[in-house]
Amino acid sequence: MTPYKGYSASIWLDSDDRLFHGTVEGIRDVIHFSGASIDELEASFHGSVDDYLAWCAEDGRMPEKPFSGKLAFRTTPEHHRLIAEAAMKRAQSINQWMDDALTEAAARTLAEGQQALRKM
């Protein structure tokens, strides 16, 4: 499902109630939505995010943001050295090299997931 106003969701099908369900990911507040079709699910997702933002505004609180852009990363000293050497070879900072490498890996993983869904 395409992100909406910076929020992403995971979705699943409950075959017992014959509805798609979803929750917004990456925040502590719980935002749930559902729909009988993809169009209903998407409209419910958008409506739930809009309701959450309106509720936060009415309550005078800042809505949680799903991703800050800061990512803590721990590794072994050996891996740290390899990462640093790879970044230097590309004339990049470690941060830029990791951003490029992880983004490429994430895109491949997500594409593989889409391929698996198409085969179903």
N, C-alpha and C. Protein backbone atom coordinates (compact mmCIF):
# COMPACT_ATOMS: atom_id res chain seq x y z
N MET A 1 0.85 -1.17 0.00
CA MET A 1 0.00 0.00 0.00
C MET A 1 0.90 1.23 0.00
N THR A 2 0.55 2.19 -0.80
CA THR A 2 1.32 3.42 -0.93
C THR A 2 1.24 4.23 0.37
N PRO A 3 2.39 4.74 0.85
CA PRO A 3 2.34 5.56 2.06
C PRO A 3 1.42 6.78 1.87
N TYR A 4 0.87 7.25 2.99
CA TYR A 4 -0.05 8.39 2.98
C TYR A 4 0.38 9.35 4.07
N LYS A 5 0.68 10.60 3.68
CA LYS A 5 1.12 11.64 4.60
C LYS A 5 2.29 11.19 5.46
N GLY A 6 3.17 10.37 4.86
CA GLY A 6 4.36 9.89 5.56
C GLY A 6 4.15 8.65 6.39
N TYR A 7 2.94 8.11 6.42
CA TYR A 7 2.63 6.92 7.20
C TYR A 7 2.52 5.71 6.28
N SER A 8 3.10 4.59 6.74
CA SER A 8 3.03 3.33 6.00
C SER A 8 2.27 2.32 6.84
N ALA A 9 1.77 1.30 6.17
CA ALA A 9 0.96 0.31 6.87
C ALA A 9 1.29 -1.10 6.44
N SER A 10 1.02 -2.03 7.33
CA SER A 10 1.06 -3.44 6.95
C SER A 10 -0.39 -3.90 6.87
N ILE A 11 -0.66 -4.81 5.94
CA ILE A 11 -2.04 -5.26 5.74
C ILE A 11 -2.08 -6.78 5.72
N TRP A 12 -3.24 -7.33 6.04
CA TRP A 12 -3.46 -8.77 5.99
C TRP A 12 -4.92 -9.04 5.72
N LEU A 13 -5.20 -10.23 5.27
CA LEU A 13 -6.56 -10.65 4.98
C LEU A 13 -7.03 -11.57 6.08
N ASP A 14 -8.17 -11.28 6.66
CA ASP A 14 -8.81 -12.17 7.63
C ASP A 14 -9.89 -12.92 6.85
N SER A 15 -9.61 -14.17 6.52
CA SER A 15 -10.55 -14.93 5.70
C SER A 15 -11.85 -15.25 6.44
N ASP A 16 -11.82 -15.25 7.78
CA ASP A 16 -13.05 -15.52 8.54
C ASP A 16 -14.07 -14.40 8.36
N ASP A 17 -13.63 -13.15 8.49
CA ASP A 17 -14.57 -12.04 8.31
C ASP A 17 -14.54 -11.45 6.91
N ARG A 18 -13.67 -12.05 6.04
CA ARG A 18 -13.57 -11.66 4.63
C ARG A 18 -13.29 -10.15 4.47
N LEU A 19 -12.38 -9.65 5.32
CA LEU A 19 -11.97 -8.25 5.27
C LEU A 19 -10.46 -8.16 5.26
N PHE A 20 -9.97 -7.13 4.60
CA PHE A 20 -8.58 -6.76 4.72
C PHE A 20 -8.47 -5.87 5.95
N HIS A 21 -7.39 -6.06 6.71
CA HIS A 21 -7.13 -5.23 7.88
C HIS A 21 -5.74 -4.63 7.73
N GLY A 22 -5.52 -3.54 8.40
CA GLY A 22 -4.20 -2.92 8.37
C GLY A 22 -3.94 -2.14 9.63
N THR A 23 -2.66 -1.93 9.90
CA THR A 23 -2.22 -1.07 10.99
C THR A 23 -1.08 -0.20 10.49
N VAL A 24 -1.02 1.01 11.01
CA VAL A 24 0.07 1.92 10.66
C VAL A 24 1.31 1.44 11.41
N GLU A 25 2.41 1.38 10.71
CA GLU A 25 3.67 0.90 11.26
C GLU A 25 4.58 2.05 11.66
N GLY A 26 5.47 1.78 12.60
CA GLY A 26 6.51 2.73 12.95
C GLY A 26 6.14 3.76 14.00
N ILE A 27 4.95 3.64 14.62
CA ILE A 27 4.58 4.54 15.70
C ILE A 27 4.01 3.71 16.86
N ARG A 28 4.03 4.30 18.06
CA ARG A 28 3.51 3.58 19.23
C ARG A 28 1.99 3.65 19.29
N ASP A 29 1.39 4.76 18.84
CA ASP A 29 -0.07 4.84 18.81
C ASP A 29 -0.59 3.78 17.84
N VAL A 30 -1.76 3.25 18.15
CA VAL A 30 -2.34 2.20 17.31
C VAL A 30 -3.37 2.80 16.37
N ILE A 31 -3.13 2.65 15.07
CA ILE A 31 -4.08 3.10 14.05
C ILE A 31 -4.45 1.86 13.24
N HIS A 32 -5.69 1.44 13.35
CA HIS A 32 -6.19 0.25 12.66
C HIS A 32 -7.22 0.68 11.63
N PHE A 33 -7.30 -0.05 10.53
CA PHE A 33 -8.29 0.23 9.50
C PHE A 33 -8.63 -1.08 8.80
N SER A 34 -9.75 -1.09 8.09
CA SER A 34 -10.16 -2.30 7.38
C SER A 34 -11.02 -1.94 6.18
N GLY A 35 -11.17 -2.90 5.29
CA GLY A 35 -12.01 -2.71 4.11
C GLY A 35 -12.25 -4.03 3.41
N ALA A 36 -13.36 -4.12 2.71
CA ALA A 36 -13.71 -5.34 1.99
C ALA A 36 -13.03 -5.43 0.62
N SER A 37 -12.49 -4.32 0.13
CA SER A 37 -11.78 -4.31 -1.15
C SER A 37 -10.53 -3.45 -0.99
N ILE A 38 -9.68 -3.50 -1.97
CA ILE A 38 -8.46 -2.68 -1.93
C ILE A 38 -8.83 -1.20 -1.88
N ASP A 39 -9.83 -0.79 -2.67
CA ASP A 39 -10.25 0.61 -2.67
C ASP A 39 -10.79 1.02 -1.30
N GLU A 40 -11.62 0.16 -0.68
CA GLU A 40 -12.15 0.45 0.67
C GLU A 40 -11.02 0.49 1.68
N LEU A 41 -10.08 -0.43 1.56
CA LEU A 41 -8.96 -0.48 2.49
C LEU A 41 -8.13 0.80 2.41
N GLU A 42 -7.84 1.23 1.19
CA GLU A 42 -7.06 2.46 1.00
C GLU A 42 -7.81 3.67 1.55
N ALA A 43 -9.11 3.77 1.28
CA ALA A 43 -9.90 4.89 1.79
C ALA A 43 -9.94 4.86 3.32
N SER A 44 -10.05 3.67 3.90
CA SER A 44 -10.08 3.53 5.35
C SER A 44 -8.72 3.93 5.95
N PHE A 45 -7.63 3.54 5.28
CA PHE A 45 -6.28 3.91 5.72
C PHE A 45 -6.14 5.43 5.74
N HIS A 46 -6.51 6.07 4.65
CA HIS A 46 -6.42 7.53 4.57
C HIS A 46 -7.29 8.19 5.63
N GLY A 47 -8.51 7.70 5.79
CA GLY A 47 -9.42 8.26 6.79
C GLY A 47 -8.89 8.09 8.20
N SER A 48 -8.31 6.93 8.49
CA SER A 48 -7.77 6.68 9.83
C SER A 48 -6.59 7.59 10.13
N VAL A 49 -5.71 7.78 9.15
CA VAL A 49 -4.57 8.70 9.35
C VAL A 49 -5.09 10.12 9.55
N ASP A 50 -6.05 10.54 8.73
CA ASP A 50 -6.62 11.89 8.87
C ASP A 50 -7.28 12.05 10.24
N ASP A 51 -8.02 11.03 10.70
CA ASP A 51 -8.65 11.07 12.02
C ASP A 51 -7.60 11.18 13.12
N TYR A 52 -6.52 10.42 12.99
CA TYR A 52 -5.44 10.45 13.98
C TYR A 52 -4.82 11.85 14.05
N LEU A 53 -4.54 12.43 12.89
CA LEU A 53 -3.95 13.78 12.87
C LEU A 53 -4.91 14.81 13.45
N ALA A 54 -6.20 14.69 13.15
CA ALA A 54 -7.20 15.61 13.70
C ALA A 54 -7.30 15.44 15.21
N TRP A 55 -7.30 14.19 15.68
CA TRP A 55 -7.38 13.91 17.12
C TRP A 55 -6.17 14.52 17.84
N CYS A 56 -4.98 14.37 17.27
CA CYS A 56 -3.78 14.96 17.87
C CYS A 56 -3.90 16.47 17.94
N ALA A 57 -4.41 17.10 16.87
CA ALA A 57 -4.56 18.56 16.85
C ALA A 57 -5.57 19.01 17.91
N GLU A 58 -6.69 18.29 18.03
CA GLU A 58 -7.70 18.64 19.03
C GLU A 58 -7.17 18.46 20.44
N ASP A 59 -6.33 17.45 20.64
CA ASP A 59 -5.80 17.14 21.96
C ASP A 59 -4.56 17.99 22.28
N GLY A 60 -4.09 18.77 21.30
CA GLY A 60 -2.93 19.62 21.52
C GLY A 60 -1.62 18.85 21.63
N ARG A 61 -1.53 17.73 20.99
CA ARG A 61 -0.29 16.96 21.03
C ARG A 61 0.26 16.76 19.63
N MET A 62 1.56 16.57 19.56
CA MET A 62 2.22 16.33 18.27
C MET A 62 1.97 14.88 17.85
N PRO A 63 1.55 14.66 16.62
CA PRO A 63 1.40 13.28 16.16
C PRO A 63 2.77 12.61 16.05
N GLU A 64 2.77 11.33 16.34
CA GLU A 64 4.02 10.59 16.19
C GLU A 64 4.38 10.52 14.71
N LYS A 65 5.66 10.62 14.43
CA LYS A 65 6.14 10.48 13.06
C LYS A 65 6.75 9.09 12.93
N PRO A 66 6.44 8.43 11.83
CA PRO A 66 6.88 7.05 11.72
C PRO A 66 8.39 6.86 11.64
N PHE A 67 9.10 7.74 10.98
CA PHE A 67 10.54 7.55 10.84
C PHE A 67 11.22 8.90 10.95
N SER A 68 12.26 8.95 11.77
CA SER A 68 12.96 10.21 12.01
C SER A 68 14.06 10.47 11.00
N GLY A 69 14.51 9.43 10.33
CA GLY A 69 15.66 9.58 9.44
C GLY A 69 16.96 9.24 10.15
N LYS A 70 16.88 8.95 11.44
CA LYS A 70 18.06 8.54 12.20
C LYS A 70 17.94 7.05 12.48
N LEU A 71 19.02 6.33 12.23
CA LEU A 71 19.02 4.90 12.38
C LEU A 71 20.26 4.49 13.16
N ALA A 72 20.07 3.91 14.34
CA ALA A 72 21.20 3.42 15.12
C ALA A 72 21.67 2.10 14.51
N PHE A 73 22.95 1.91 14.45
CA PHE A 73 23.49 0.70 13.83
C PHE A 73 24.69 0.22 14.62
N ARG A 74 24.69 -1.05 14.97
CA ARG A 74 25.83 -1.65 15.68
C ARG A 74 26.32 -2.82 14.84
N THR A 75 27.63 -2.99 14.85
CA THR A 75 28.22 -4.09 14.10
C THR A 75 29.51 -4.51 14.78
N THR A 76 30.17 -5.48 14.23
CA THR A 76 31.45 -5.93 14.78
C THR A 76 32.56 -4.99 14.29
N PRO A 77 33.68 -4.96 14.99
CA PRO A 77 34.80 -4.14 14.50
C PRO A 77 35.26 -4.56 13.10
N GLU A 78 35.22 -5.85 12.81
CA GLU A 78 35.64 -6.33 11.49
C GLU A 78 34.70 -5.81 10.40
N HIS A 79 33.41 -5.87 10.65
CA HIS A 79 32.45 -5.36 9.66
C HIS A 79 32.57 -3.85 9.52
N HIS A 80 32.82 -3.15 10.63
CA HIS A 80 33.00 -1.70 10.61
C HIS A 80 34.16 -1.35 9.68
N ARG A 81 35.26 -2.08 9.81
CA ARG A 81 36.43 -1.83 8.95
C ARG A 81 36.08 -2.07 7.48
N LEU A 82 35.38 -3.17 7.17
CA LEU A 82 34.99 -3.45 5.79
C LEU A 82 34.09 -2.35 5.23
N ILE A 83 33.15 -1.91 6.02
CA ILE A 83 32.24 -0.84 5.60
C ILE A 83 33.02 0.44 5.33
N ALA A 84 33.92 0.77 6.24
CA ALA A 84 34.73 1.99 6.07
C ALA A 84 35.58 1.91 4.81
N GLU A 85 36.18 0.76 4.55
CA GLU A 85 37.01 0.60 3.35
C GLU A 85 36.16 0.71 2.09
N ALA A 86 34.98 0.11 2.10
CA ALA A 86 34.10 0.19 0.93
C ALA A 86 33.67 1.63 0.68
N ALA A 87 33.37 2.35 1.74
CA ALA A 87 32.97 3.75 1.59
C ALA A 87 34.12 4.58 1.03
N MET A 88 35.32 4.37 1.55
CA MET A 88 36.48 5.11 1.05
C MET A 88 36.72 4.81 -0.42
N LYS A 89 36.55 3.56 -0.82
CA LYS A 89 36.77 3.18 -2.22
C LYS A 89 35.81 3.92 -3.15
N ARG A 90 34.62 4.23 -2.67
CA ARG A 90 33.63 4.98 -3.46
C ARG A 90 33.68 6.48 -3.18
N ALA A 91 34.64 6.92 -2.40
CA ALA A 91 34.78 8.33 -2.03
C ALA A 91 33.50 8.86 -1.37
N GLN A 92 32.95 8.04 -0.47
CA GLN A 92 31.74 8.41 0.25
C GLN A 92 32.00 8.34 1.75
N SER A 93 31.15 9.04 2.50
CA SER A 93 31.18 8.86 3.94
C SER A 93 30.58 7.49 4.26
N ILE A 94 30.87 6.98 5.43
CA ILE A 94 30.25 5.71 5.84
C ILE A 94 28.74 5.85 5.81
N ASN A 95 28.23 6.98 6.30
CA ASN A 95 26.79 7.20 6.33
C ASN A 95 26.18 7.13 4.93
N GLN A 96 26.80 7.80 3.96
CA GLN A 96 26.26 7.80 2.59
C GLN A 96 26.36 6.41 1.97
N TRP A 97 27.50 5.73 2.20
CA TRP A 97 27.66 4.39 1.65
C TRP A 97 26.60 3.45 2.23
N MET A 98 26.39 3.51 3.55
CA MET A 98 25.39 2.66 4.19
C MET A 98 23.99 2.99 3.70
N ASP A 99 23.69 4.27 3.53
CA ASP A 99 22.37 4.67 3.03
C ASP A 99 22.15 4.09 1.64
N ASP A 100 23.14 4.21 0.76
CA ASP A 100 23.02 3.65 -0.60
C ASP A 100 22.88 2.14 -0.56
N ALA A 101 23.76 1.46 0.19
CA ALA A 101 23.76 0.00 0.22
C ALA A 101 22.46 -0.54 0.83
N LEU A 102 22.02 0.04 1.92
CA LEU A 102 20.81 -0.45 2.57
C LEU A 102 19.56 -0.14 1.76
N THR A 103 19.54 1.01 1.10
CA THR A 103 18.39 1.34 0.24
C THR A 103 18.30 0.37 -0.93
N GLU A 104 19.44 0.07 -1.55
CA GLU A 104 19.44 -0.91 -2.65
C GLU A 104 18.99 -2.28 -2.17
N ALA A 105 19.48 -2.71 -1.01
CA ALA A 105 19.09 -4.02 -0.46
C ALA A 105 17.60 -4.04 -0.12
N ALA A 106 17.09 -2.96 0.45
CA ALA A 106 15.67 -2.89 0.79
C ALA A 106 14.80 -2.94 -0.46
N ALA A 107 15.20 -2.23 -1.50
CA ALA A 107 14.44 -2.23 -2.75
C ALA A 107 14.40 -3.64 -3.35
N ARG A 108 15.55 -4.35 -3.32
CA ARG A 108 15.58 -5.73 -3.82
C ARG A 108 14.67 -6.64 -3.00
N THR A 109 14.72 -6.51 -1.69
CA THR A 109 13.89 -7.34 -0.81
C THR A 109 12.41 -7.09 -1.05
N LEU A 110 12.03 -5.83 -1.18
CA LEU A 110 10.63 -5.50 -1.43
C LEU A 110 10.18 -5.99 -2.80
N ALA A 111 11.06 -5.89 -3.80
CA ALA A 111 10.73 -6.38 -5.14
C ALA A 111 10.54 -7.90 -5.12
N GLU A 112 11.38 -8.60 -4.36
CA GLU A 112 11.23 -10.05 -4.22
C GLU A 112 9.89 -10.39 -3.58
N GLY A 113 9.47 -9.60 -2.59
CA GLY A 113 8.18 -9.81 -1.95
C GLY A 113 7.03 -9.60 -2.92
N GLN A 114 7.15 -8.59 -3.78
CA GLN A 114 6.12 -8.33 -4.78
C GLN A 114 6.05 -9.49 -5.79
N GLN A 115 7.22 -10.02 -6.16
CA GLN A 115 7.25 -11.15 -7.09
C GLN A 115 6.54 -12.36 -6.47
N ALA A 116 6.77 -12.59 -5.17
CA ALA A 116 6.14 -13.73 -4.49
C ALA A 116 4.64 -13.54 -4.44
N LEU A 117 4.17 -12.31 -4.21
CA LEU A 117 2.74 -12.04 -4.16
C LEU A 117 2.10 -12.26 -5.52
N ARG A 118 2.80 -11.90 -6.58
CA ARG A 118 2.24 -12.07 -7.93
C ARG A 118 2.09 -13.54 -8.31
N LYS A 119 2.94 -14.40 -7.72
CA LYS A 119 2.88 -15.82 -8.02
C LYS A 119 1.73 -16.51 -7.29
N MET A 120 1.15 -15.86 -6.32
CA MET A 120 0.06 -16.48 -5.54
C MET A 120 -1.22 -16.52 -6.31
